PDB file of N, CA and C in Angstrom:
ATOM      1  N   UNK A   1      31.578  64.948 -17.061  1.00  0.00           N
ATOM      2  CA  UNK A   1      31.866  63.973 -18.171  1.00  0.00           C
ATOM      3  C   UNK A   1      30.737  62.948 -18.458  1.00  0.00           C
ATOM      4  N   UNK A   2      30.311  62.985 -19.547  1.00  0.00           N
ATOM      5  CA  UNK A   2      29.236  62.158 -20.223  1.00  0.00           C
ATOM      6  C   UNK A   2      29.351  60.819 -19.860  1.00  0.00           C
ATOM      7  N   UNK A   3      28.284  59.933 -19.325  1.00  0.00           N
ATOM      8  CA  UNK A   3      28.305  58.460 -19.066  1.00  0.00           C
ATOM      9  C   UNK A   3      28.900  57.932 -20.750  1.00  0.00           C
ATOM     10  N   UNK A   4      29.790  56.874 -20.342  1.00  0.00           N
ATOM     11  CA  UNK A   4      30.095  56.085 -21.768  1.00  0.00           C
ATOM     12  C   UNK A   4      29.026  55.120 -21.983  1.00  0.00           C
ATOM     13  N   UNK A   5      28.817  55.124 -23.004  1.00  0.00           N
ATOM     14  CA  UNK A   5      27.686  54.128 -23.622  1.00  0.00           C
ATOM     15  C   UNK A   5      28.354  52.979 -24.398  1.00  0.00           C
ATOM     16  N   UNK A   6      28.181  51.830 -23.796  1.00  0.00           N
ATOM     17  CA  UNK A   6      28.837  50.749 -24.789  1.00  0.00           C
ATOM     18  C   UNK A   6      28.140  50.383 -25.912  1.00  0.00           C
ATOM     19  N   UNK A   7      28.497  50.208 -27.085  1.00  0.00           N
ATOM     20  CA  UNK A   7      27.737  49.658 -28.176  1.00  0.00           C
ATOM     21  C   UNK A   7      27.178  48.397 -27.902  1.00  0.00           C
ATOM     22  N   UNK A   8      26.065  48.293 -28.249  1.00  0.00           N
ATOM     23  CA  UNK A   8      25.149  47.033 -27.941  1.00  0.00           C
ATOM     24  C   UNK A   8      25.768  45.888 -28.894  1.00  0.00           C
ATOM     25  N   UNK A   9      25.857  44.707 -28.523  1.00  0.00           N
ATOM     26  CA  UNK A   9      26.618  43.607 -29.445  1.00  0.00           C
ATOM     27  C   UNK A   9      25.757  43.358 -30.770  1.00  0.00           C
ATOM     28  N   UNK A  10      26.080  42.921 -31.755  1.00  0.00           N
ATOM     29  CA  UNK A  10      25.232  42.614 -32.832  1.00  0.00           C
ATOM     30  C   UNK A  10      24.246  41.502 -32.601  1.00  0.00           C
ATOM     31  N   UNK A  11      23.176  41.693 -33.022  1.00  0.00           N
ATOM     32  CA  UNK A  11      22.338  40.773 -33.041  1.00  0.00           C
ATOM     33  C   UNK A  11      22.435  39.616 -34.036  1.00  0.00           C
ATOM     34  N   UNK A  12      22.687  38.268 -33.592  1.00  0.00           N
ATOM     35  CA  UNK A  12      22.744  37.241 -34.516  1.00  0.00           C
ATOM     36  C   UNK A  12      21.544  36.917 -35.409  1.00  0.00           C
ATOM     37  N   UNK A  13      21.708  36.535 -36.492  1.00  0.00           N
ATOM     38  CA  UNK A  13      20.470  36.140 -37.298  1.00  0.00           C
ATOM     39  C   UNK A  13      19.648  35.020 -36.581  1.00  0.00           C
ATOM     40  N   UNK A  14      18.151  34.961 -36.879  1.00  0.00           N
ATOM     41  CA  UNK A  14      17.450  33.758 -36.189  1.00  0.00           C
ATOM     42  C   UNK A  14      17.993  32.655 -36.413  1.00  0.00           C
ATOM     43  N   UNK A  15      18.494  32.292 -37.581  1.00  0.00           N
ATOM     44  CA  UNK A  15      18.861  30.942 -37.939  1.00  0.00           C
ATOM     45  C   UNK A  15      20.120  30.436 -37.325  1.00  0.00           C
ATOM     46  N   UNK A  16      20.781  31.391 -36.562  1.00  0.00           N
ATOM     47  CA  UNK A  16      21.841  30.796 -35.940  1.00  0.00           C
ATOM     48  C   UNK A  16      21.648  30.604 -34.417  1.00  0.00           C
ATOM     49  N   UNK A  17      20.487  31.283 -33.900  1.00  0.00           N
ATOM     50  CA  UNK A  17      20.171  30.842 -32.255  1.00  0.00           C
ATOM     51  C   UNK A  17      19.773  29.457 -32.224  1.00  0.00           C
ATOM     52  N   UNK A  18      20.436  28.637 -31.356  1.00  0.00           N
ATOM     53  CA  UNK A  18      20.077  27.194 -31.177  1.00  0.00           C
ATOM     54  C   UNK A  18      18.568  26.964 -30.720  1.00  0.00           C
ATOM     55  N   UNK A  19      17.964  26.272 -31.292  1.00  0.00           N
ATOM     56  CA  UNK A  19      16.356  26.064 -30.747  1.00  0.00           C
ATOM     57  C   UNK A  19      16.523  25.394 -29.490  1.00  0.00           C
ATOM     58  N   UNK A  20      15.468  25.537 -28.933  1.00  0.00           N
ATOM     59  CA  UNK A  20      15.264  25.074 -27.522  1.00  0.00           C
ATOM     60  C   UNK A  20      15.048  23.540 -27.658  1.00  0.00           C
ATOM     61  N   UNK A  21      15.945  22.805 -26.910  1.00  0.00           N
ATOM     62  CA  UNK A  21      15.788  21.387 -26.876  1.00  0.00           C
ATOM     63  C   UNK A  21      15.153  20.705 -25.441  1.00  0.00           C
ATOM     64  N   UNK A  22      14.099  20.183 -25.437  1.00  0.00           N
ATOM     65  CA  UNK A  22      13.362  19.737 -24.260  1.00  0.00           C
ATOM     66  C   UNK A  22      14.111  18.696 -23.556  1.00  0.00           C
ATOM     67  N   UNK A  23      14.913  18.072 -24.165  1.00  0.00           N
ATOM     68  CA  UNK A  23      15.870  16.973 -23.727  1.00  0.00           C
ATOM     69  C   UNK A  23      17.013  17.471 -22.657  1.00  0.00           C
ATOM     70  N   UNK A  24      17.544  18.652 -23.221  1.00  0.00           N
ATOM     71  CA  UNK A  24      18.554  19.018 -22.505  1.00  0.00           C
ATOM     72  C   UNK A  24      18.278  19.978 -21.145  1.00  0.00           C
ATOM     73  N   UNK A  25      17.114  20.571 -21.319  1.00  0.00           N
ATOM     74  CA  UNK A  25      16.648  21.467 -19.830  1.00  0.00           C
ATOM     75  C   UNK A  25      15.408  20.877 -19.676  1.00  0.00           C
ATOM     76  N   UNK A  26      15.434  20.480 -18.203  1.00  0.00           N
ATOM     77  CA  UNK A  26      14.437  19.702 -17.414  1.00  0.00           C
ATOM     78  C   UNK A  26      13.859  20.906 -16.370  1.00  0.00           C
ATOM     79  N   UNK A  27      12.787  21.510 -16.966  1.00  0.00           N
ATOM     80  CA  UNK A  27      12.022  22.466 -16.184  1.00  0.00           C
ATOM     81  C   UNK A  27      11.063  21.955 -15.391  1.00  0.00           C
ATOM     82  N   UNK A  28      10.828  22.165 -14.032  1.00  0.00           N
ATOM     83  CA  UNK A  28       9.669  22.027 -13.259  1.00  0.00           C
ATOM     84  C   UNK A  28       8.368  22.503 -13.615  1.00  0.00           C
ATOM     85  N   UNK A  29       7.409  21.494 -13.911  1.00  0.00           N
ATOM     86  CA  UNK A  29       6.276  22.313 -14.419  1.00  0.00           C
ATOM     87  C   UNK A  29       5.577  22.275 -13.114  1.00  0.00           C
ATOM     88  N   UNK A  30       4.590  23.456 -13.208  1.00  0.00           N
ATOM     89  CA  UNK A  30       3.898  23.808 -12.053  1.00  0.00           C
ATOM     90  C   UNK A  30       2.804  22.433 -11.644  1.00  0.00           C
ATOM     91  N   UNK A  31       2.513  22.270 -10.634  1.00  0.00           N
ATOM     92  CA  UNK A  31       1.396  21.133 -10.293  1.00  0.00           C
ATOM     93  C   UNK A  31       0.076  21.759 -10.991  1.00  0.00           C
ATOM     94  N   UNK A  32      -0.643  20.575 -11.360  1.00  0.00           N
ATOM     95  CA  UNK A  32      -1.939  20.843 -11.836  1.00  0.00           C
ATOM     96  C   UNK A  32      -2.808  21.144 -10.841  1.00  0.00           C
ATOM     97  N   UNK A  33      -4.094  21.694 -11.191  1.00  0.00           N
ATOM     98  CA  UNK A  33      -4.790  22.334 -10.127  1.00  0.00           C
ATOM     99  C   UNK A  33      -5.372  21.364  -9.321  1.00  0.00           C
ATOM    100  N   UNK A  34      -5.550  20.163  -9.729  1.00  0.00           N
ATOM    101  CA  UNK A  34      -5.973  18.902  -8.961  1.00  0.00           C
ATOM    102  C   UNK A  34      -4.707  18.684  -7.875  1.00  0.00           C
ATOM    103  N   UNK A  35      -3.681  18.645  -8.193  1.00  0.00           N
ATOM    104  CA  UNK A  35      -2.599  18.120  -7.457  1.00  0.00           C
ATOM    105  C   UNK A  35      -2.368  19.501  -6.259  1.00  0.00           C
ATOM    106  N   UNK A  36      -2.675  20.753  -6.897  1.00  0.00           N
ATOM    107  CA  UNK A  36      -2.241  21.830  -5.861  1.00  0.00           C
ATOM    108  C   UNK A  36      -3.339  21.882  -4.827  1.00  0.00           C
ATOM    109  N   UNK A  37      -4.634  21.325  -5.346  1.00  0.00           N
ATOM    110  CA  UNK A  37      -6.151  21.513  -4.133  1.00  0.00           C
ATOM    111  C   UNK A  37      -5.499  20.314  -3.168  1.00  0.00           C
ATOM    112  N   UNK A  38      -4.961  19.438  -3.529  1.00  0.00           N
ATOM    113  CA  UNK A  38      -4.607  18.061  -2.738  1.00  0.00           C
ATOM    114  C   UNK A  38      -3.522  18.462  -1.883  1.00  0.00           C
ATOM    115  N   UNK A  39      -2.575  19.110  -2.337  1.00  0.00           N
ATOM    116  CA  UNK A  39      -1.333  19.588  -1.425  1.00  0.00           C
ATOM    117  C   UNK A  39      -2.093  20.641  -0.255  1.00  0.00           C
ATOM    118  N   UNK A  40      -2.751  21.384  -0.701  1.00  0.00           N
ATOM    119  CA  UNK A  40      -3.361  22.732   0.074  1.00  0.00           C
ATOM    120  C   UNK A  40      -4.466  21.967   1.014  1.00  0.00           C
ATOM    121  N   UNK A  41      -5.230  20.888   0.745  1.00  0.00           N
ATOM    122  CA  UNK A  41      -6.127  20.136   1.820  1.00  0.00           C
ATOM    123  C   UNK A  41      -5.263  19.535   2.621  1.00  0.00           C
ATOM    124  N   UNK A  42      -4.159  18.745   2.297  1.00  0.00           N
ATOM    125  CA  UNK A  42      -3.408  18.148   3.187  1.00  0.00           C
ATOM    126  C   UNK A  42      -2.728  18.959   4.101  1.00  0.00           C
ATOM    127  N   UNK A  43      -2.198  20.218   3.635  1.00  0.00           N
ATOM    128  CA  UNK A  43      -1.728  21.141   4.673  1.00  0.00           C
ATOM    129  C   UNK A  43      -2.647  21.455   5.617  1.00  0.00           C
ATOM    130  N   UNK A  44      -3.734  21.827   5.171  1.00  0.00           N
ATOM    131  CA  UNK A  44      -5.124  22.247   6.201  1.00  0.00           C
ATOM    132  C   UNK A  44      -5.204  21.022   7.047  1.00  0.00           C
ATOM    133  N   UNK A  45      -5.202  19.849   7.011  1.00  0.00           N
ATOM    134  CA  UNK A  45      -5.629  18.634   7.757  1.00  0.00           C
ATOM    135  C   UNK A  45      -4.469  18.706   8.645  1.00  0.00           C
ATOM    136  N   UNK A  46      -3.297  18.752   8.240  1.00  0.00           N
ATOM    137  CA  UNK A  46      -2.000  18.696   9.125  1.00  0.00           C
ATOM    138  C   UNK A  46      -2.189  19.877  10.187  1.00  0.00           C
ATOM    139  N   UNK A  47      -2.413  21.060   9.628  1.00  0.00           N
ATOM    140  CA  UNK A  47      -2.352  22.098  10.508  1.00  0.00           C
ATOM    141  C   UNK A  47      -3.471  22.092  11.604  1.00  0.00           C
ATOM    142  N   UNK A  48      -4.806  21.467  11.229  1.00  0.00           N
ATOM    143  CA  UNK A  48      -5.922  21.375  12.033  1.00  0.00           C
ATOM    144  C   UNK A  48      -5.596  20.308  13.253  1.00  0.00           C
ATOM    145  N   UNK A  49      -4.897  19.124  12.591  1.00  0.00           N
ATOM    146  CA  UNK A  49      -4.566  18.069  13.568  1.00  0.00           C
ATOM    147  C   UNK A  49      -3.436  18.638  14.677  1.00  0.00           C
ATOM    148  N   UNK A  50      -2.559  19.426  14.222  1.00  0.00           N
ATOM    149  CA  UNK A  50      -1.391  19.926  15.160  1.00  0.00           C
ATOM    150  C   UNK A  50      -2.092  20.918  16.104  1.00  0.00           C
ATOM    151  N   UNK A  51      -3.176  21.788  15.673  1.00  0.00           N
ATOM    152  CA  UNK A  51      -3.543  22.703  16.447  1.00  0.00           C
ATOM    153  C   UNK A  51      -4.469  21.962  17.581  1.00  0.00           C
ATOM    154  N   UNK A  52      -5.145  20.900  16.907  1.00  0.00           N
ATOM    155  CA  UNK A  52      -6.117  20.272  17.990  1.00  0.00           C
ATOM    156  C   UNK A  52      -5.163  19.459  19.031  1.00  0.00           C
ATOM    157  N   UNK A  53      -4.125  18.922  18.719  1.00  0.00           N
ATOM    158  CA  UNK A  53      -3.223  18.169  19.449  1.00  0.00           C
ATOM    159  C   UNK A  53      -2.812  19.275  20.689  1.00  0.00           C
ATOM    160  N   UNK A  54      -2.137  20.223  20.056  1.00  0.00           N
ATOM    161  CA  UNK A  54      -1.687  21.080  20.932  1.00  0.00           C
ATOM    162  C   UNK A  54      -2.657  21.591  21.948  1.00  0.00           C
ATOM    163  N   UNK A  55      -3.920  21.841  21.589  1.00  0.00           N
ATOM    164  CA  UNK A  55      -5.016  22.259  22.484  1.00  0.00           C
ATOM    165  C   UNK A  55      -5.336  21.137  23.505  1.00  0.00           C
ATOM    166  N   UNK A  56      -5.014  19.876  23.217  1.00  0.00           N
ATOM    167  CA  UNK A  56      -5.528  18.804  24.052  1.00  0.00           C
ATOM    168  C   UNK A  56      -4.235  18.349  24.673  1.00  0.00           C
ATOM    169  N   UNK A  57      -3.056  18.802  24.506  1.00  0.00           N
ATOM    170  CA  UNK A  57      -1.907  18.270  25.110  1.00  0.00           C
ATOM    171  C   UNK A  57      -2.006  18.177  26.726  1.00  0.00           C
ATOM    172  N   UNK A  58      -2.914  18.964  27.283  1.00  0.00           N
ATOM    173  CA  UNK A  58      -3.093  18.757  28.790  1.00  0.00           C
ATOM    174  C   UNK A  58      -3.605  17.420  29.085  1.00  0.00           C
ATOM    175  N   UNK A  59      -4.477  16.770  28.217  1.00  0.00           N
ATOM    176  CA  UNK A  59      -4.970  15.484  28.391  1.00  0.00           C
ATOM    177  C   UNK A  59      -4.046  14.419  27.562  1.00  0.00           C
ATOM    178  N   UNK A  60      -2.984  14.768  26.736  1.00  0.00           N
ATOM    179  CA  UNK A  60      -2.245  13.751  26.239  1.00  0.00           C
ATOM    180  C   UNK A  60      -1.801  12.740  27.266  1.00  0.00           C
ATOM    181  N   UNK A  61      -0.995  13.220  28.661  1.00  0.00           N
ATOM    182  CA  UNK A  61      -0.296  12.429  29.198  1.00  0.00           C
ATOM    183  C   UNK A  61      -1.293  11.310  29.826  1.00  0.00           C
ATOM    184  N   UNK A  62      -2.548  11.658  30.292  1.00  0.00           N
ATOM    185  CA  UNK A  62      -3.538  10.582  30.715  1.00  0.00           C
ATOM    186  C   UNK A  62      -3.879   9.823  29.522  1.00  0.00           C
ATOM    187  N   UNK A  63      -4.122  10.190  28.192  1.00  0.00           N
ATOM    188  CA  UNK A  63      -4.447   9.599  27.133  1.00  0.00           C
ATOM    189  C   UNK A  63      -3.582   8.370  26.758  1.00  0.00           C
ATOM    190  N   UNK A  64      -2.164   8.786  26.875  1.00  0.00           N
ATOM    191  CA  UNK A  64      -1.014   8.074  26.642  1.00  0.00           C
ATOM    192  C   UNK A  64      -0.969   6.903  27.538  1.00  0.00           C
ATOM    193  N   UNK A  65      -1.241   7.080  28.963  1.00  0.00           N
ATOM    194  CA  UNK A  65      -1.260   5.962  29.909  1.00  0.00           C
ATOM    195  C   UNK A  65      -2.249   5.126  29.750  1.00  0.00           C
ATOM    196  N   UNK A  66      -3.702   5.543  29.239  1.00  0.00           N
ATOM    197  CA  UNK A  66      -4.492   4.624  28.999  1.00  0.00           C
ATOM    198  C   UNK A  66      -4.297   3.736  27.778  1.00  0.00           C
ATOM    199  N   UNK A  67      -3.795   4.457  26.748  1.00  0.00           N
ATOM    200  CA  UNK A  67      -3.499   3.751  25.410  1.00  0.00           C
ATOM    201  C   UNK A  67      -2.540   2.740  25.915  1.00  0.00           C
ATOM    202  N   UNK A  68      -1.405   2.822  26.480  1.00  0.00           N
ATOM    203  CA  UNK A  68      -0.594   1.831  26.919  1.00  0.00           C
ATOM    204  C   UNK A  68      -1.184   0.754  27.701  1.00  0.00           C
ATOM    205  N   UNK A  69      -1.990   0.872  28.711  1.00  0.00           N
ATOM    206  CA  UNK A  69      -2.516  -0.008  29.341  1.00  0.00           C
ATOM    207  C   UNK A  69      -3.476  -1.114  28.619  1.00  0.00           C
ATOM    208  N   UNK A  70      -4.286  -0.187  27.530  1.00  0.00           N
ATOM    209  CA  UNK A  70      -5.267  -0.941  26.731  1.00  0.00           C
ATOM    210  C   UNK A  70      -4.307  -1.926  25.887  1.00  0.00           C
ATOM    211  N   UNK A  71      -3.021  -1.267  25.304  1.00  0.00           N
ATOM    212  CA  UNK A  71      -2.184  -2.053  24.272  1.00  0.00           C
ATOM    213  C   UNK A  71      -1.677  -3.178  24.914  1.00  0.00           C
ATOM    214  N   UNK A  72      -1.516  -3.060  26.457  1.00  0.00           N
ATOM    215  CA  UNK A  72      -0.950  -4.312  27.056  1.00  0.00           C
ATOM    216  C   UNK A  72      -2.075  -5.360  27.220  1.00  0.00           C
ATOM    217  N   UNK A  73      -3.265  -4.938  27.392  1.00  0.00           N
ATOM    218  CA  UNK A  73      -4.269  -5.933  27.415  1.00  0.00           C
ATOM    219  C   UNK A  73      -4.768  -6.528  26.138  1.00  0.00           C
ATOM    220  N   UNK A  74      -4.382  -5.780  24.991  1.00  0.00           N
ATOM    221  CA  UNK A  74      -4.523  -6.342  23.763  1.00  0.00           C
ATOM    222  C   UNK A  74      -3.754  -7.157  23.523  1.00  0.00           C
ATOM    223  N   UNK A  75      -2.359  -7.034  23.781  1.00  0.00           N
ATOM    224  CA  UNK A  75      -1.128  -7.831  23.538  1.00  0.00           C
ATOM    225  C   UNK A  75      -1.397  -9.201  24.191  1.00  0.00           C
ATOM    226  N   UNK A  76      -1.794  -9.054  25.551  1.00  0.00           N
ATOM    227  CA  UNK A  76      -1.921 -10.340  26.230  1.00  0.00           C
ATOM    228  C   UNK A  76      -3.024 -11.289  25.621  1.00  0.00           C
ATOM    229  N   UNK A  77      -4.139 -10.584  25.291  1.00  0.00           N
ATOM    230  CA  UNK A  77      -5.408 -11.336  24.497  1.00  0.00           C
ATOM    231  C   UNK A  77      -4.833 -12.037  23.214  1.00  0.00           C
ATOM    232  N   UNK A  78      -3.917 -11.324  22.486  1.00  0.00           N
ATOM    233  CA  UNK A  78      -3.414 -11.815  21.122  1.00  0.00           C
ATOM    234  C   UNK A  78      -2.619 -12.861  21.520  1.00  0.00           C
ATOM    235  N   UNK A  79      -1.775 -12.829  22.342  1.00  0.00           N
ATOM    236  CA  UNK A  79      -0.851 -13.934  22.620  1.00  0.00           C
ATOM    237  C   UNK A  79      -1.708 -15.157  23.062  1.00  0.00           C
ATOM    238  N   UNK A  80      -2.554 -15.086  23.823  1.00  0.00           N
ATOM    239  CA  UNK A  80      -3.668 -16.321  24.025  1.00  0.00           C
ATOM    240  C   UNK A  80      -4.252 -16.891  23.037  1.00  0.00           C
ATOM    241  N   UNK A  81      -4.767 -15.721  21.952  1.00  0.00           N
ATOM    242  CA  UNK A  81      -5.394 -16.570  20.838  1.00  0.00           C
ATOM    243  C   UNK A  81      -4.348 -17.283  19.988  1.00  0.00           C
ATOM    244  N   UNK A  82      -3.138 -16.642  19.835  1.00  0.00           N
ATOM    245  CA  UNK A  82      -2.197 -17.088  18.959  1.00  0.00           C
ATOM    246  C   UNK A  82      -1.859 -18.458  19.669  1.00  0.00           C
ATOM    247  N   UNK A  83      -1.508 -18.639  20.813  1.00  0.00           N
ATOM    248  CA  UNK A  83      -1.388 -20.108  21.304  1.00  0.00           C
ATOM    249  C   UNK A  83      -2.562 -20.927  21.229  1.00  0.00           C
ATOM    250  N   UNK A  84      -3.929 -20.452  21.380  1.00  0.00           N
ATOM    251  CA  UNK A  84      -4.783 -21.280  21.001  1.00  0.00           C
ATOM    252  C   UNK A  84      -4.973 -21.941  19.594  1.00  0.00           C
ATOM    253  N   UNK A  85      -4.546 -20.904  18.880  1.00  0.00           N
ATOM    254  CA  UNK A  85      -4.581 -21.118  17.433  1.00  0.00           C
ATOM    255  C   UNK A  85      -3.690 -22.317  16.852  1.00  0.00           C
ATOM    256  N   UNK A  86      -2.356 -22.186  17.645  1.00  0.00           N
ATOM    257  CA  UNK A  86      -1.337 -22.945  17.250  1.00  0.00           C
ATOM    258  C   UNK A  86      -1.739 -24.341  17.860  1.00  0.00           C
ATOM    259  N   UNK A  87      -2.262 -24.390  19.249  1.00  0.00           N
ATOM    260  CA  UNK A  87      -2.625 -25.699  19.730  1.00  0.00           C
ATOM    261  C   UNK A  87      -3.724 -26.295  18.870  1.00  0.00           C
ATOM    262  N   UNK A  88      -4.752 -25.652  18.294  1.00  0.00           N
ATOM    263  CA  UNK A  88      -5.802 -26.169  17.316  1.00  0.00           C
ATOM    264  C   UNK A  88      -5.260 -26.628  16.119  1.00  0.00           C
ATOM    265  N   UNK A  89      -4.069 -26.092  15.799  1.00  0.00           N
ATOM    266  CA  UNK A  89      -3.348 -26.358  14.379  1.00  0.00           C
ATOM    267  C   UNK A  89      -2.656 -27.663  14.564  1.00  0.00           C
ATOM    268  N   UNK A  90      -2.638 -28.077  15.847  1.00  0.00           N
ATOM    269  CA  UNK A  90      -1.730 -29.475  15.876  1.00  0.00           C
ATOM    270  C   UNK A  90      -2.706 -30.696  16.299  1.00  0.00           C
ATOM    271  N   UNK A  91      -3.889 -30.418  16.555  1.00  0.00           N
ATOM    272  CA  UNK A  91      -5.027 -31.254  16.745  1.00  0.00           C
ATOM    273  C   UNK A  91      -5.610 -31.679  15.449  1.00  0.00           C
ATOM    274  N   UNK A  92      -5.987 -33.021  15.566  1.00  0.00           N
ATOM    275  CA  UNK A  92      -6.718 -33.490  14.272  1.00  0.00           C
ATOM    276  C   UNK A  92      -8.039 -32.664  14.411  1.00  0.00           C
ATOM    277  N   UNK A  93      -8.932 -32.987  13.288  1.00  0.00           N
ATOM    278  CA  UNK A  93     -10.382 -32.234  13.230  1.00  0.00           C
ATOM    279  C   UNK A  93     -11.010 -32.728  14.194  1.00  0.00           C
ATOM    280  N   UNK A  94     -11.160 -34.294  14.508  1.00  0.00           N
ATOM    281  CA  UNK A  94     -11.894 -34.698  15.547  1.00  0.00           C
ATOM    282  C   UNK A  94     -11.665 -34.173  16.763  1.00  0.00           C
ATOM    283  N   UNK A  95     -10.410 -34.116  17.334  1.00  0.00           N
ATOM    284  CA  UNK A  95     -10.086 -33.580  18.592  1.00  0.00           C
ATOM    285  C   UNK A  95     -10.317 -32.214  18.741  1.00  0.00           C
ATOM    286  N   UNK A  96      -9.999 -31.258  17.603  1.00  0.00           N
ATOM    287  CA  UNK A  96     -10.579 -30.070  17.593  1.00  0.00           C
ATOM    288  C   UNK A  96     -12.001 -29.832  17.874  1.00  0.00           C
ATOM    289  N   UNK A  97     -12.638 -30.549  17.306  1.00  0.00           N
ATOM    290  CA  UNK A  97     -14.387 -30.435  17.553  1.00  0.00           C
ATOM    291  C   UNK A  97     -14.513 -30.712  19.031  1.00  0.00           C
ATOM    292  N   UNK A  98     -13.996 -31.822  19.596  1.00  0.00           N
ATOM    293  CA  UNK A  98     -14.320 -32.176  20.876  1.00  0.00           C
ATOM    294  C   UNK A  98     -13.657 -30.855  21.883  1.00  0.00           C
ATOM    295  N   UNK A  99     -12.487 -30.313  21.532  1.00  0.00           N
ATOM    296  CA  UNK A  99     -12.022 -29.396  22.271  1.00  0.00           C
ATOM    297  C   UNK A  99     -12.947 -28.050  22.348  1.00  0.00           C
ATOM    298  N   UNK A 100     -13.446 -27.905  21.072  1.00  0.00           N
ATOM    299  CA  UNK A 100     -14.064 -26.668  20.970  1.00  0.00           C
ATOM    300  C   UNK A 100     -15.481 -26.692  21.724  1.00  0.00           C
ATOM    301  N   UNK A 101     -16.151 -28.159  21.644  1.00  0.00           N
ATOM    302  CA  UNK A 101     -17.361 -28.484  22.325  1.00  0.00           C
ATOM    303  C   UNK A 101     -17.143 -28.192  23.693  1.00  0.00           C
ATOM    304  N   UNK A 102     -16.374 -28.800  24.359  1.00  0.00           N
ATOM    305  CA  UNK A 102     -15.849 -28.609  25.827  1.00  0.00           C
ATOM    306  C   UNK A 102     -15.594 -27.228  25.979  1.00  0.00           C
ATOM    307  N   UNK A 103     -14.978 -26.361  25.401  1.00  0.00           N
ATOM    308  CA  UNK A 103     -14.887 -25.126  25.998  1.00  0.00           C
ATOM    309  C   UNK A 103     -16.072 -24.054  25.520  1.00  0.00           C
ATOM    310  N   UNK A 104     -16.942 -24.698  24.598  1.00  0.00           N
ATOM    311  CA  UNK A 104     -18.530 -23.971  24.498  1.00  0.00           C
ATOM    312  C   UNK A 104     -19.218 -24.217  25.638  1.00  0.00           C
ATOM    313  N   UNK A 105     -19.126 -25.492  26.028  1.00  0.00           N
ATOM    314  CA  UNK A 105     -19.979 -25.805  27.247  1.00  0.00           C
ATOM    315  C   UNK A 105     -19.469 -25.080  28.572  1.00  0.00           C
ATOM    316  N   UNK A 106     -18.037 -25.010  28.624  1.00  0.00           N
ATOM    317  CA  UNK A 106     -17.651 -24.239  29.811  1.00  0.00           C
ATOM    318  C   UNK A 106     -18.070 -22.659  29.785  1.00  0.00           C
ATOM    319  N   UNK A 107     -18.183 -22.293  28.451  1.00  0.00           N
ATOM    320  CA  UNK A 107     -18.435 -20.611  28.526  1.00  0.00           C
ATOM    321  C   UNK A 107     -19.847 -20.729  28.715  1.00  0.00           C
ATOM    322  N   UNK A 108     -20.717 -21.553  28.283  1.00  0.00           N
ATOM    323  CA  UNK A 108     -22.230 -21.581  28.695  1.00  0.00           C
ATOM    324  C   UNK A 108     -22.527 -21.669  30.005  1.00  0.00           C
ATOM    325  N   UNK A 109     -21.660 -22.436  30.821  1.00  0.00           N
ATOM    326  CA  UNK A 109     -22.027 -22.623  32.214  1.00  0.00           C
ATOM    327  C   UNK A 109     -21.565 -21.501  32.904  1.00  0.00           C
ATOM    328  N   UNK A 110     -20.195 -20.806  32.477  1.00  0.00           N
ATOM    329  CA  UNK A 110     -20.011 -19.363  33.257  1.00  0.00           C
ATOM    330  C   UNK A 110     -21.088 -18.477  33.080  1.00  0.00           C
ATOM    331  N   UNK A 111     -21.894 -18.496  31.901  1.00  0.00           N
ATOM    332  CA  UNK A 111     -22.662 -17.281  31.687  1.00  0.00           C
ATOM    333  C   UNK A 111     -23.942 -17.737  32.398  1.00  0.00           C
ATOM    334  N   UNK A 112     -24.311 -19.047  32.593  1.00  0.00           N
ATOM    335  CA  UNK A 112     -25.410 -19.391  33.460  1.00  0.00           C
ATOM    336  C   UNK A 112     -25.315 -18.871  34.913  1.00  0.00           C
ATOM    337  N   UNK A 113     -24.097 -19.297  35.440  1.00  0.00           N
ATOM    338  CA  UNK A 113     -23.805 -18.985  36.914  1.00  0.00           C
ATOM    339  C   UNK A 113     -23.587 -17.345  36.957  1.00  0.00           C
ATOM    340  N   UNK A 114     -23.215 -16.737  36.014  1.00  0.00           N
ATOM    341  CA  UNK A 114     -23.040 -15.360  36.177  1.00  0.00           C
ATOM    342  C   UNK A 114     -24.616 -14.722  36.171  1.00  0.00           C
ATOM    343  N   UNK A 115     -25.507 -15.172  35.269  1.00  0.00           N
ATOM    344  CA  UNK A 115     -27.070 -14.738  35.382  1.00  0.00           C
ATOM    345  C   UNK A 115     -27.717 -15.119  36.746  1.00  0.00           C
ATOM    346  N   UNK A 116     -27.275 -16.309  37.167  1.00  0.00           N
ATOM    347  CA  UNK A 116     -28.017 -16.653  38.665  1.00  0.00           C
ATOM    348  C   UNK A 116     -27.436 -15.644  39.499  1.00  0.00           C
ATOM    349  N   UNK A 117     -26.189 -15.279  39.762  1.00  0.00           N
ATOM    350  CA  UNK A 117     -25.772 -14.505  40.600  1.00  0.00           C
ATOM    351  C   UNK A 117     -26.324 -12.896  40.519  1.00  0.00           C
ATOM    352  N   UNK A 118     -26.617 -12.628  39.478  1.00  0.00           N
ATOM    353  CA  UNK A 118     -27.007 -11.122  39.142  1.00  0.00           C
ATOM    354  C   UNK A 118     -28.558 -11.089  39.681  1.00  0.00           C
ATOM    355  N   UNK A 119     -29.364 -12.384  39.428  1.00  0.00           N
ATOM    356  CA  UNK A 119     -30.578 -12.367  39.894  1.00  0.00           C
ATOM    357  C   UNK A 119     -30.863 -12.726  41.451  1.00  0.00           C
TER     358      UNK A 119
END
């Protein structure tokens, strides 16, 4: 039995075909070459960083421990500085100058004593 051929639908005249309206359809435009290059570069950086971290994973535990201890020291130092600044904010200008001079002399004396011990 021969295959049945359906007659093709009649072609409408061009004037009856609705024109493409840009506001109706939002097509994704391909990224510009600069954007594509940037995305590619970022991907390479992430890949390289991940690979490096994976290779260094044996040292990560030790590194993390060191980082935590340094962070604790930095936090303590920052707390002292904030306390000192808030104290200085409550002092008048003259009191502040006297306080700063006293501490400056203390620091100089400590440095001199330290140098004498080393010699």
